[in-house]
Amino acid sequence: QVQLVESGGGLVQPGGSLRLSCAASKSMVVINVMG
């Protein structure tokens, strides 16, 4: 199963911005570090 789902990647010009998101499964218990 897929525990983490990433989104937000793509093509951007130098100097531009992007925002990445990573959503863990609702049932997952996040104990410590996310990175």
PDB file of all heavy atoms in Angstrom:
ATOM      1  N   GLN A   1       0.818  -1.188   0.000  1.00  0.00           N
ATOM      2  CA  GLN A   1       0.000   0.000   0.000  1.00  0.00           C
ATOM      3  C   GLN A   1       0.869   1.263   0.000  1.00  0.00           C
ATOM      4  O   GLN A   1       2.032   1.217   0.373  1.00  0.00           O
ATOM      5  CB  GLN A   1      -0.949   0.023   1.217  1.00  0.00           C
ATOM      6  CG  GLN A   1      -0.272   0.194   2.563  1.00  0.00           C
ATOM      7  CD  GLN A   1       0.279  -1.104   3.096  1.00  0.00           C
ATOM      8  OE1 GLN A   1       1.377  -1.521   2.683  1.00  0.00           O
ATOM      9  NE2 GLN A   1      -0.459  -1.741   4.006  1.00  0.00           N
ATOM     10  N   VAL A   2       0.298   2.341  -0.453  1.00  0.00           N
ATOM     11  CA  VAL A   2       0.991   3.617  -0.500  1.00  0.00           C
ATOM     12  C   VAL A   2       0.655   4.395   0.769  1.00  0.00           C
ATOM     13  O   VAL A   2      -0.491   4.796   0.989  1.00  0.00           O
ATOM     14  CB  VAL A   2       0.595   4.437  -1.735  1.00  0.00           C
ATOM     15  CG1 VAL A   2       1.325   5.774  -1.735  1.00  0.00           C
ATOM     16  CG2 VAL A   2       0.899   3.661  -3.007  1.00  0.00           C
ATOM     17  N   GLN A   3       1.663   4.619   1.571  1.00  0.00           N
ATOM     18  CA  GLN A   3       1.459   5.345   2.820  1.00  0.00           C
ATOM     19  C   GLN A   3       1.529   6.859   2.650  1.00  0.00           C
ATOM     20  O   GLN A   3       0.834   7.594   3.346  1.00  0.00           O
ATOM     21  CB  GLN A   3       2.491   4.907   3.862  1.00  0.00           C
ATOM     22  CG  GLN A   3       2.315   3.505   4.394  1.00  0.00           C
ATOM     23  CD  GLN A   3       2.989   2.469   3.511  1.00  0.00           C
ATOM     24  OE1 GLN A   3       3.827   2.794   2.673  1.00  0.00           O
ATOM     25  NE2 GLN A   3       2.609   1.216   3.708  1.00  0.00           N
ATOM     26  N   LEU A   4       2.383   7.305   1.726  1.00  0.00           N
ATOM     27  CA  LEU A   4       2.602   8.724   1.516  1.00  0.00           C
ATOM     28  C   LEU A   4       2.295   9.098   0.076  1.00  0.00           C
ATOM     29  O   LEU A   4       2.716   8.407  -0.844  1.00  0.00           O
ATOM     30  CB  LEU A   4       4.049   9.105   1.837  1.00  0.00           C
ATOM     31  CG  LEU A   4       4.615   8.656   3.185  1.00  0.00           C
ATOM     32  CD1 LEU A   4       6.061   9.099   3.320  1.00  0.00           C
ATOM     33  CD2 LEU A   4       3.791   9.210   4.329  1.00  0.00           C
ATOM     34  N   VAL A   5       1.592  10.205  -0.100  1.00  0.00           N
ATOM     35  CA  VAL A   5       1.242  10.688  -1.417  1.00  0.00           C
ATOM     36  C   VAL A   5       1.808  12.087  -1.604  1.00  0.00           C
ATOM     37  O   VAL A   5       1.428  13.013  -0.891  1.00  0.00           O
ATOM     38  CB  VAL A   5      -0.278  10.708  -1.639  1.00  0.00           C
ATOM     39  CG1 VAL A   5      -0.604  11.257  -3.021  1.00  0.00           C
ATOM     40  CG2 VAL A   5      -0.851   9.309  -1.473  1.00  0.00           C
ATOM     41  N   GLU A   6       2.715  12.239  -2.563  1.00  0.00           N
ATOM     42  CA  GLU A   6       3.355  13.515  -2.834  1.00  0.00           C
ATOM     43  C   GLU A   6       2.678  14.231  -3.992  1.00  0.00           C
ATOM     44  O   GLU A   6       2.141  13.605  -4.907  1.00  0.00           O
ATOM     45  CB  GLU A   6       4.832  13.316  -3.174  1.00  0.00           C
ATOM     46  CG  GLU A   6       5.650  12.661  -2.076  1.00  0.00           C
ATOM     47  CD  GLU A   6       7.113  12.523  -2.462  1.00  0.00           C
ATOM     48  OE1 GLU A   6       7.619  13.379  -3.235  1.00  0.00           O
ATOM     49  OE2 GLU A   6       7.766  11.574  -1.994  1.00  0.00           O
ATOM     50  N   SER A   7       2.747  15.550  -3.957  1.00  0.00           N
ATOM     51  CA  SER A   7       2.222  16.356  -5.042  1.00  0.00           C
ATOM     52  C   SER A   7       2.938  17.698  -5.068  1.00  0.00           C
ATOM     53  O   SER A   7       3.591  18.085  -4.100  1.00  0.00           O
ATOM     54  CB  SER A   7       0.711  16.568  -4.904  1.00  0.00           C
ATOM     55  OG  SER A   7       0.402  17.276  -3.719  1.00  0.00           O
ATOM     56  N   GLY A   8       2.814  18.412  -6.181  1.00  0.00           N
ATOM     57  CA  GLY A   8       3.334  19.762  -6.277  1.00  0.00           C
ATOM     58  C   GLY A   8       4.569  19.938  -7.135  1.00  0.00           C
ATOM     59  O   GLY A   8       5.004  21.068  -7.364  1.00  0.00           O
ATOM     60  N   GLY A   9       5.142  18.851  -7.607  1.00  0.00           N
ATOM     61  CA  GLY A   9       6.311  18.964  -8.451  1.00  0.00           C
ATOM     62  C   GLY A   9       5.966  19.493  -9.831  1.00  0.00           C
ATOM     63  O   GLY A   9       4.799  19.603 -10.203  1.00  0.00           O
ATOM     64  N   GLY A  10       6.994  19.820 -10.585  1.00  0.00           N
ATOM     65  CA  GLY A  10       6.782  20.320 -11.925  1.00  0.00           C
ATOM     66  C   GLY A  10       7.961  21.104 -12.432  1.00  0.00           C
ATOM     67  O   GLY A  10       9.066  21.024 -11.894  1.00  0.00           O
ATOM     68  N   LEU A  11       7.718  21.867 -13.474  1.00  0.00           N
ATOM     69  CA  LEU A  11       8.732  22.688 -14.121  1.00  0.00           C
ATOM     70  C   LEU A  11       8.580  24.136 -13.684  1.00  0.00           C
ATOM     71  O   LEU A  11       7.471  24.680 -13.699  1.00  0.00           O
ATOM     72  CB  LEU A  11       8.608  22.582 -15.638  1.00  0.00           C
ATOM     73  CG  LEU A  11       9.525  23.465 -16.477  1.00  0.00           C
ATOM     74  CD1 LEU A  11      10.983  23.071 -16.280  1.00  0.00           C
ATOM     75  CD2 LEU A  11       9.137  23.374 -17.945  1.00  0.00           C
ATOM     76  N   VAL A  12       9.689  24.742 -13.310  1.00  0.00           N
ATOM     77  CA  VAL A  12       9.680  26.134 -12.887  1.00  0.00           C
ATOM     78  C   VAL A  12      10.937  26.820 -13.399  1.00  0.00           C
ATOM     79  O   VAL A  12      11.977  26.177 -13.575  1.00  0.00           O
ATOM     80  CB  VAL A  12       9.574  26.240 -11.344  1.00  0.00           C
ATOM     81  CG1 VAL A  12      10.820  25.670 -10.676  1.00  0.00           C
ATOM     82  CG2 VAL A  12       9.320  27.667 -10.905  1.00  0.00           C
ATOM     83  N   GLN A  13      10.831  28.114 -13.660  1.00  0.00           N
ATOM     84  CA  GLN A  13      11.988  28.877 -14.103  1.00  0.00           C
ATOM     85  C   GLN A  13      12.876  29.262 -12.925  1.00  0.00           C
ATOM     86  O   GLN A  13      12.402  29.345 -11.787  1.00  0.00           O
ATOM     87  CB  GLN A  13      11.533  30.144 -14.829  1.00  0.00           C
ATOM     88  CG  GLN A  13      10.772  29.892 -16.111  1.00  0.00           C
ATOM     89  CD  GLN A  13      10.455  31.172 -16.844  1.00  0.00           C
ATOM     90  OE1 GLN A  13      11.363  31.915 -17.222  1.00  0.00           O
ATOM     91  NE2 GLN A  13       9.177  31.431 -17.046  1.00  0.00           N
ATOM     92  N   PRO A  14      14.158  29.486 -13.177  1.00  0.00           N
ATOM     93  CA  PRO A  14      15.025  29.971 -12.100  1.00  0.00           C
ATOM     94  C   PRO A  14      14.445  31.214 -11.446  1.00  0.00           C
ATOM     95  O   PRO A  14      13.956  32.115 -12.124  1.00  0.00           O
ATOM     96  CB  PRO A  14      16.340  30.282 -12.819  1.00  0.00           C
ATOM     97  CG  PRO A  14      16.340  29.361 -13.994  1.00  0.00           C
ATOM     98  CD  PRO A  14      14.892  29.291 -14.434  1.00  0.00           C
ATOM     99  N   GLY A  15      14.500  31.241 -10.113  1.00  0.00           N
ATOM    100  CA  GLY A  15      13.917  32.335  -9.367  1.00  0.00           C
ATOM    101  C   GLY A  15      12.464  32.123  -9.002  1.00  0.00           C
ATOM    102  O   GLY A  15      11.911  32.884  -8.192  1.00  0.00           O
ATOM    103  N   GLY A  16      11.855  31.108  -9.562  1.00  0.00           N
ATOM    104  CA  GLY A  16      10.464  30.816  -9.291  1.00  0.00           C
ATOM    105  C   GLY A  16      10.260  30.005  -8.036  1.00  0.00           C
ATOM    106  O   GLY A  16      11.206  29.725  -7.294  1.00  0.00           O
ATOM    107  N   SER A  17       9.016  29.610  -7.813  1.00  0.00           N
ATOM    108  CA  SER A  17       8.650  28.900  -6.592  1.00  0.00           C
ATOM    109  C   SER A  17       7.784  27.685  -6.881  1.00  0.00           C
ATOM    110  O   SER A  17       7.018  27.658  -7.849  1.00  0.00           O
ATOM    111  CB  SER A  17       7.878  29.828  -5.648  1.00  0.00           C
ATOM    112  OG  SER A  17       8.658  30.930  -5.238  1.00  0.00           O
ATOM    113  N   LEU A  18       7.906  26.699  -6.024  1.00  0.00           N
ATOM    114  CA  LEU A  18       7.039  25.533  -6.017  1.00  0.00           C
ATOM    115  C   LEU A  18       6.765  25.158  -4.574  1.00  0.00           C
ATOM    116  O   LEU A  18       7.582  25.421  -3.688  1.00  0.00           O
ATOM    117  CB  LEU A  18       7.678  24.340  -6.725  1.00  0.00           C
ATOM    118  CG  LEU A  18       7.750  24.334  -8.251  1.00  0.00           C
ATOM    119  CD1 LEU A  18       8.530  23.112  -8.719  1.00  0.00           C
ATOM    120  CD2 LEU A  18       6.355  24.331  -8.866  1.00  0.00           C
ATOM    121  N   ARG A  19       5.627  24.535  -4.359  1.00  0.00           N
ATOM    122  CA  ARG A  19       5.295  24.037  -3.038  1.00  0.00           C
ATOM    123  C   ARG A  19       4.955  22.562  -3.125  1.00  0.00           C
ATOM    124  O   ARG A  19       4.016  22.177  -3.823  1.00  0.00           O
ATOM    125  CB  ARG A  19       4.111  24.796  -2.449  1.00  0.00           C
ATOM    126  CG  ARG A  19       3.858  24.487  -0.973  1.00  0.00           C
ATOM    127  CD  ARG A  19       2.544  25.068  -0.512  1.00  0.00           C
ATOM    128  NE  ARG A  19       2.408  25.046   0.939  1.00  0.00           N
ATOM    129  CZ  ARG A  19       1.255  24.969   1.586  1.00  0.00           C
ATOM    130  NH1 ARG A  19       0.112  24.924   0.896  1.00  0.00           N
ATOM    131  NH2 ARG A  19       1.231  24.961   2.906  1.00  0.00           N
ATOM    132  N   LEU A  20       5.712  21.749  -2.428  1.00  0.00           N
ATOM    133  CA  LEU A  20       5.479  20.318  -2.391  1.00  0.00           C
ATOM    134  C   LEU A  20       4.651  19.946  -1.171  1.00  0.00           C
ATOM    135  O   LEU A  20       4.805  20.536  -0.106  1.00  0.00           O
ATOM    136  CB  LEU A  20       6.804  19.551  -2.349  1.00  0.00           C
ATOM    137  CG  LEU A  20       7.816  19.833  -3.467  1.00  0.00           C
ATOM    138  CD1 LEU A  20       9.035  18.933  -3.283  1.00  0.00           C
ATOM    139  CD2 LEU A  20       7.185  19.627  -4.835  1.00  0.00           C
ATOM    140  N   SER A  21       3.802  18.967  -1.348  1.00  0.00           N
ATOM    141  CA  SER A  21       3.007  18.439  -0.253  1.00  0.00           C
ATOM    142  C   SER A  21       3.200  16.936  -0.168  1.00  0.00           C
ATOM    143  O   SER A  21       3.388  16.267  -1.181  1.00  0.00           O
ATOM    144  CB  SER A  21       1.519  18.738  -0.450  1.00  0.00           C
ATOM    145  OG  SER A  21       1.275  20.122  -0.467  1.00  0.00           O
ATOM    146  N   CYS A  22       3.134  16.413   1.028  1.00  0.00           N
ATOM    147  CA  CYS A  22       3.231  14.983   1.257  1.00  0.00           C
ATOM    148  C   CYS A  22       2.244  14.615   2.344  1.00  0.00           C
ATOM    149  O   CYS A  22       2.402  15.027   3.497  1.00  0.00           O
ATOM    150  CB  CYS A  22       4.649  14.592   1.659  1.00  0.00           C
ATOM    151  SG  CYS A  22       4.842  12.863   2.135  1.00  0.00           S
ATOM    152  N   ALA A  23       1.232  13.866   1.972  1.00  0.00           N
ATOM    153  CA  ALA A  23       0.184  13.487   2.906  1.00  0.00           C
ATOM    154  C   ALA A  23       0.305  12.015   3.271  1.00  0.00           C
ATOM    155  O   ALA A  23       0.261  11.149   2.404  1.00  0.00           O
ATOM    156  CB  ALA A  23      -1.185  13.765   2.303  1.00  0.00           C
ATOM    157  N   ALA A  24       0.451  11.752   4.544  1.00  0.00           N
ATOM    158  CA  ALA A  24       0.488  10.383   5.042  1.00  0.00           C
ATOM    159  C   ALA A  24      -0.927   9.842   5.172  1.00  0.00           C
ATOM    160  O   ALA A  24      -1.887  10.603   5.309  1.00  0.00           O
ATOM    161  CB  ALA A  24       1.210  10.319   6.378  1.00  0.00           C
ATOM    162  N   SER A  25      -1.055   8.532   5.136  1.00  0.00           N
ATOM    163  CA  SER A  25      -2.357   7.893   5.300  1.00  0.00           C
ATOM    164  C   SER A  25      -2.994   8.324   6.605  1.00  0.00           C
ATOM    165  O   SER A  25      -2.313   8.545   7.603  1.00  0.00           O
ATOM    166  CB  SER A  25      -2.213   6.376   5.276  1.00  0.00           C
ATOM    167  OG  SER A  25      -1.643   5.936   4.061  1.00  0.00           O
ATOM    168  N   LYS A  26      -4.318   8.448   6.588  1.00  0.00           N
ATOM    169  CA  LYS A  26      -5.042   8.889   7.776  1.00  0.00           C
ATOM    170  C   LYS A  26      -4.812   7.973   8.963  1.00  0.00           C
ATOM    171  O   LYS A  26      -4.786   8.424  10.111  1.00  0.00           O
ATOM    172  CB  LYS A  26      -6.537   8.991   7.481  1.00  0.00           C
ATOM    173  CG  LYS A  26      -6.908  10.096   6.522  1.00  0.00           C
ATOM    174  CD  LYS A  26      -8.398  10.142   6.279  1.00  0.00           C
ATOM    175  CE  LYS A  26      -9.155  10.484   7.551  1.00  0.00           C
ATOM    176  NZ  LYS A  26     -10.632  10.612   7.309  1.00  0.00           N
ATOM    177  N   SER A  27      -4.628   6.688   8.685  1.00  0.00           N
ATOM    178  CA  SER A  27      -4.425   5.725   9.758  1.00  0.00           C
ATOM    179  C   SER A  27      -3.001   5.722  10.290  1.00  0.00           C
ATOM    180  O   SER A  27      -2.736   5.146  11.344  1.00  0.00           O
ATOM    181  CB  SER A  27      -4.788   4.323   9.282  1.00  0.00           C
ATOM    182  OG  SER A  27      -3.965   3.934   8.198  1.00  0.00           O
ATOM    183  N   MET A  28      -2.099   6.355   9.573  1.00  0.00           N
ATOM    184  CA  MET A  28      -0.701   6.352   9.984  1.00  0.00           C
ATOM    185  C   MET A  28      -0.490   7.214  11.218  1.00  0.00           C
ATOM    186  O   MET A  28      -1.035   8.313  11.322  1.00  0.00           O
ATOM    187  CB  MET A  28       0.188   6.849   8.844  1.00  0.00           C
ATOM    188  CG  MET A  28       1.672   6.729   9.141  1.00  0.00           C
ATOM    189  SD  MET A  28       2.684   7.213   7.725  1.00  0.00           S
ATOM    190  CE  MET A  28       4.322   6.876   8.386  1.00  0.00           C
ATOM    191  N   VAL A  29       0.312   6.702  12.129  1.00  0.00           N
ATOM    192  CA  VAL A  29       0.664   7.430  13.335  1.00  0.00           C
ATOM    193  C   VAL A  29       2.064   7.993  13.149  1.00  0.00           C
ATOM    194  O   VAL A  29       3.044   7.253  13.168  1.00  0.00           O
ATOM    195  CB  VAL A  29       0.597   6.534  14.579  1.00  0.00           C
ATOM    196  CG1 VAL A  29       0.937   7.334  15.825  1.00  0.00           C
ATOM    197  CG2 VAL A  29      -0.779   5.901  14.701  1.00  0.00           C
ATOM    198  N   VAL A  30       2.141   9.294  12.956  1.00  0.00           N
ATOM    199  CA  VAL A  30       3.421   9.947  12.760  1.00  0.00           C
ATOM    200  C   VAL A  30       4.026  10.233  14.121  1.00  0.00           C
ATOM    201  O   VAL A  30       3.508  11.043  14.890  1.00  0.00           O
ATOM    202  CB  VAL A  30       3.267  11.243  11.952  1.00  0.00           C
ATOM    203  CG1 VAL A  30       4.627  11.921  11.789  1.00  0.00           C
ATOM    204  CG2 VAL A  30       2.651  10.947  10.597  1.00  0.00           C
ATOM    205  N   ILE A  31       5.122   9.551  14.391  1.00  0.00           N
ATOM    206  CA  ILE A  31       5.729   9.624  15.711  1.00  0.00           C
ATOM    207  C   ILE A  31       6.770  10.729  15.821  1.00  0.00           C
ATOM    208  O   ILE A  31       6.830  11.444  16.826  1.00  0.00           O
ATOM    209  CB  ILE A  31       6.377   8.272  16.086  1.00  0.00           C
ATOM    210  CG1 ILE A  31       5.320   7.164  16.106  1.00  0.00           C
ATOM    211  CG2 ILE A  31       7.089   8.363  17.422  1.00  0.00           C
ATOM    212  CD1 ILE A  31       4.229   7.381  17.127  1.00  0.00           C
ATOM    213  N   ASN A  32       7.570  10.881  14.798  1.00  0.00           N
ATOM    214  CA  ASN A  32       8.743  11.725  14.953  1.00  0.00           C
ATOM    215  C   ASN A  32       8.942  12.668  13.762  1.00  0.00           C
ATOM    216  O   ASN A  32       8.083  13.482  13.459  1.00  0.00           O
ATOM    217  CB  ASN A  32       9.963  10.832  15.175  1.00  0.00           C
ATOM    218  CG  ASN A  32      11.141  11.561  15.779  1.00  0.00           C
ATOM    219  OD1 ASN A  32      11.050  12.702  16.205  1.00  0.00           O
ATOM    220  ND2 ASN A  32      12.283  10.888  15.813  1.00  0.00           N
ATOM    221  N   VAL A  33      10.059  12.515  13.099  1.00  0.00           N
ATOM    222  CA  VAL A  33      10.488  13.466  12.080  1.00  0.00           C
ATOM    223  C   VAL A  33       9.778  13.236  10.748  1.00  0.00           C
ATOM    224  O   VAL A  33       9.548  12.100  10.331  1.00  0.00           O
ATOM    225  CB  VAL A  33      12.007  13.375  11.884  1.00  0.00           C
ATOM    226  CG1 VAL A  33      12.452  14.227  10.700  1.00  0.00           C
ATOM    227  CG2 VAL A  33      12.719  13.823  13.154  1.00  0.00           C
ATOM    228  N   MET A  34       9.438  14.327  10.094  1.00  0.00           N
ATOM    229  CA  MET A  34       9.010  14.318   8.710  1.00  0.00           C
ATOM    230  C   MET A  34      10.053  15.111   7.925  1.00  0.00           C
ATOM    231  O   MET A  34      10.559  16.115   8.427  1.00  0.00           O
ATOM    232  CB  MET A  34       7.633  14.955   8.539  1.00  0.00           C
ATOM    233  CG  MET A  34       6.562  14.349   9.426  1.00  0.00           C
ATOM    234  SD  MET A  34       4.934  15.131   9.228  1.00  0.00           S
ATOM    235  CE  MET A  34       4.330  14.264   7.763  1.00  0.00           C
ATOM    236  N   GLY A  35      10.356  14.652   6.733  1.00  0.00           N
ATOM    237  CA  GLY A  35      11.394  15.335   6.000  1.00  0.00           C
ATOM    238  C   GLY A  35      11.309  15.168   4.504  1.00  0.00           C
ATOM    239  O   GLY A  35      10.493  14.399   3.984  1.00  0.00           O
TER     240      GLY A  35
END
